[in-house]
């Protein structure tokens, strides 16, 4: 298993509790086949530039360890989700 970091931006019209519920669901999926090291909810932030006609969104960052197969499934699921504006998964270097 390798270490990864994911940042997810959720839609601004969602309730904060709904966003935290979705973050918990992502953490649950990861923990079934990997391990979640930390989760950081940043709250609603304004974008530096407009994304899909939106000016703000809910940010969250999660550090986890998983296999490549899980990362690919997670990437696909978040790409298809209507609640997610953007997401980015990065592999963390062993520094």
C-alpha atoms as a PDB file:
ATOM      1  CA  UNK A   1       0.000   0.000   0.000  1.00  0.00           C
ATOM      2  CA  UNK A   2       1.099   3.527  -0.765  1.00  0.00           C
ATOM      3  CA  UNK A   3       0.356   6.834   0.941  1.00  0.00           C
ATOM      4  CA  UNK A   4      -1.989   9.276  -0.799  1.00  0.00           C
ATOM      5  CA  UNK A   5      -3.592  12.640  -0.142  1.00  0.00           C
ATOM      6  CA  UNK A   6      -6.963  13.649  -1.555  1.00  0.00           C
ATOM      7  CA  UNK A   7      -8.563  17.081  -1.674  1.00  0.00           C
ATOM      8  CA  UNK A   8     -12.281  17.242  -2.385  1.00  0.00           C
ATOM      9  CA  UNK A   9     -14.321  20.372  -3.107  1.00  0.00           C
ATOM     10  CA  UNK A  10     -18.054  19.914  -2.541  1.00  0.00           C
ATOM     11  CA  UNK A  11     -20.828  22.125  -3.928  1.00  0.00           C
ATOM     12  CA  UNK A  12     -21.554  25.284  -1.885  1.00  0.00           C
ATOM     13  CA  UNK A  13     -25.350  24.844  -1.795  1.00  0.00           C
ATOM     14  CA  UNK A  14     -25.044  21.645   0.254  1.00  0.00           C
ATOM     15  CA  UNK A  15     -25.568  21.769   4.005  1.00  0.00           C
ATOM     16  CA  UNK A  16     -22.353  21.460   6.008  1.00  0.00           C
ATOM     17  CA  UNK A  17     -23.672  18.337   7.766  1.00  0.00           C
ATOM     18  CA  UNK A  18     -24.329  16.678   4.388  1.00  0.00           C
ATOM     19  CA  UNK A  19     -20.786  17.453   3.287  1.00  0.00           C
ATOM     20  CA  UNK A  20     -19.349  15.949   6.467  1.00  0.00           C
ATOM     21  CA  UNK A  21     -21.533  12.860   5.968  1.00  0.00           C
ATOM     22  CA  UNK A  22     -20.143  12.404   2.463  1.00  0.00           C
ATOM     23  CA  UNK A  23     -16.586  12.825   3.743  1.00  0.00           C
ATOM     24  CA  UNK A  24     -17.296  10.137   6.355  1.00  0.00           C
ATOM     25  CA  UNK A  25     -18.595   7.831   3.593  1.00  0.00           C
ATOM     26  CA  UNK A  26     -15.379   8.321   1.587  1.00  0.00           C
ATOM     27  CA  UNK A  27     -13.347   7.567   4.722  1.00  0.00           C
ATOM     28  CA  UNK A  28     -15.418   4.424   5.307  1.00  0.00           C
ATOM     29  CA  UNK A  29     -14.782   3.175   1.753  1.00  0.00           C
ATOM     30  CA  UNK A  30     -11.066   3.799   2.148  1.00  0.00           C
ATOM     31  CA  UNK A  31     -10.873   2.113   5.559  1.00  0.00           C
ATOM     32  CA  UNK A  32     -12.509  -1.058   4.198  1.00  0.00           C
ATOM     33  CA  UNK A  33      -9.459  -1.764   2.006  1.00  0.00           C
ATOM     34  CA  UNK A  34      -6.857   0.664   3.363  1.00  0.00           C
ATOM     35  CA  UNK A  35      -6.325   3.035   6.253  1.00  0.00           C
ATOM     36  CA  UNK A  36      -7.196   6.687   6.836  1.00  0.00           C
ATOM     37  CA  UNK A  37      -4.446   8.599   8.647  1.00  0.00           C
ATOM     38  CA  UNK A  38      -6.143  11.982   8.984  1.00  0.00           C
ATOM     39  CA  UNK A  39      -9.124  13.988   7.811  1.00  0.00           C
ATOM     40  CA  UNK A  40      -9.178  17.780   7.757  1.00  0.00           C
ATOM     41  CA  UNK A  41     -12.394  19.703   6.996  1.00  0.00           C
ATOM     42  CA  UNK A  42     -11.608  23.279   5.954  1.00  0.00           C
ATOM     43  CA  UNK A  43     -15.190  24.484   5.588  1.00  0.00           C
ATOM     44  CA  UNK A  44     -16.536  26.823   2.918  1.00  0.00           C
ATOM     45  CA  UNK A  45     -13.851  28.777   1.057  1.00  0.00           C
ATOM     46  CA  UNK A  46     -13.942  31.229  -1.829  1.00  0.00           C
ATOM     47  CA  UNK A  47     -12.272  30.097  -5.075  1.00  0.00           C
ATOM     48  CA  UNK A  48      -9.413  32.055  -6.612  1.00  0.00           C
ATOM     49  CA  UNK A  49     -11.259  31.769  -9.941  1.00  0.00           C
ATOM     50  CA  UNK A  50     -14.682  30.614 -11.095  1.00  0.00           C
ATOM     51  CA  UNK A  51     -15.178  26.840 -11.488  1.00  0.00           C
ATOM     52  CA  UNK A  52     -18.308  25.651 -13.332  1.00  0.00           C
ATOM     53  CA  UNK A  53     -20.005  29.030 -12.647  1.00  0.00           C
ATOM     54  CA  UNK A  54     -19.378  28.630  -8.890  1.00  0.00           C
ATOM     55  CA  UNK A  55     -17.395  30.999  -6.670  1.00  0.00           C
ATOM     56  CA  UNK A  56     -17.033  28.936  -3.465  1.00  0.00           C
ATOM     57  CA  UNK A  57     -17.148  25.384  -2.130  1.00  0.00           C
ATOM     58  CA  UNK A  58     -16.509  23.144   0.880  1.00  0.00           C
ATOM     59  CA  UNK A  59     -12.911  21.921   1.055  1.00  0.00           C
ATOM     60  CA  UNK A  60     -11.669  18.768   2.752  1.00  0.00           C
ATOM     61  CA  UNK A  61      -8.295  17.000   2.768  1.00  0.00           C
ATOM     62  CA  UNK A  62      -7.715  13.350   3.664  1.00  0.00           C
ATOM     63  CA  UNK A  63      -4.430  11.455   4.057  1.00  0.00           C
ATOM     64  CA  UNK A  64      -4.699   7.695   3.564  1.00  0.00           C
ATOM     65  CA  UNK A  65      -2.900   4.509   2.540  1.00  0.00           C
ATOM     66  CA  UNK A  66      -4.377   2.219  -0.104  1.00  0.00           C
ATOM     67  CA  UNK A  67      -3.719   0.080  -3.157  1.00  0.00           C
ATOM     68  CA  UNK A  68      -3.858   1.519  -6.656  1.00  0.00           C
ATOM     69  CA  UNK A  69      -7.113  -0.326  -7.417  1.00  0.00           C
ATOM     70  CA  UNK A  70      -8.939   1.457  -4.585  1.00  0.00           C
ATOM     71  CA  UNK A  71      -7.519   4.815  -5.656  1.00  0.00           C
ATOM     72  CA  UNK A  72      -8.773   4.277  -9.206  1.00  0.00           C
ATOM     73  CA  UNK A  73     -12.258   3.294  -7.978  1.00  0.00           C
ATOM     74  CA  UNK A  74     -12.347   6.318  -5.681  1.00  0.00           C
ATOM     75  CA  UNK A  75     -11.263   8.627  -8.513  1.00  0.00           C
ATOM     76  CA  UNK A  76     -14.007   7.294 -10.784  1.00  0.00           C
ATOM     77  CA  UNK A  77     -16.720   7.555  -8.102  1.00  0.00           C
ATOM     78  CA  UNK A  78     -15.793  11.149  -7.230  1.00  0.00           C
ATOM     79  CA  UNK A  79     -15.675  12.110 -10.918  1.00  0.00           C
ATOM     80  CA  UNK A  80     -19.248  10.885 -11.358  1.00  0.00           C
ATOM     81  CA  UNK A  81     -20.600  12.463  -8.167  1.00  0.00           C
ATOM     82  CA  UNK A  82     -22.830  15.513  -8.660  1.00  0.00           C
ATOM     83  CA  UNK A  83     -21.959  16.772  -5.174  1.00  0.00           C
ATOM     84  CA  UNK A  84     -18.234  17.096  -5.964  1.00  0.00           C
ATOM     85  CA  UNK A  85     -17.016  20.161  -7.871  1.00  0.00           C
ATOM     86  CA  UNK A  86     -13.384  19.020  -8.096  1.00  0.00           C
ATOM     87  CA  UNK A  87     -11.082  16.462  -6.516  1.00  0.00           C
ATOM     88  CA  UNK A  88      -7.383  15.704  -6.721  1.00  0.00           C
ATOM     89  CA  UNK A  89      -5.549  12.580  -5.535  1.00  0.00           C
ATOM     90  CA  UNK A  90      -1.794  12.856  -5.026  1.00  0.00           C
ATOM     91  CA  UNK A  91       0.703  10.187  -4.071  1.00  0.00           C
ATOM     92  CA  UNK A  92       2.777  11.267  -1.096  1.00  0.00           C
ATOM     93  CA  UNK A  93       6.510  10.769  -1.328  1.00  0.00           C
ATOM     94  CA  UNK A  94       8.334   8.836   1.369  1.00  0.00           C
ATOM     95  CA  UNK A  95      10.484  11.737   2.532  1.00  0.00           C
END
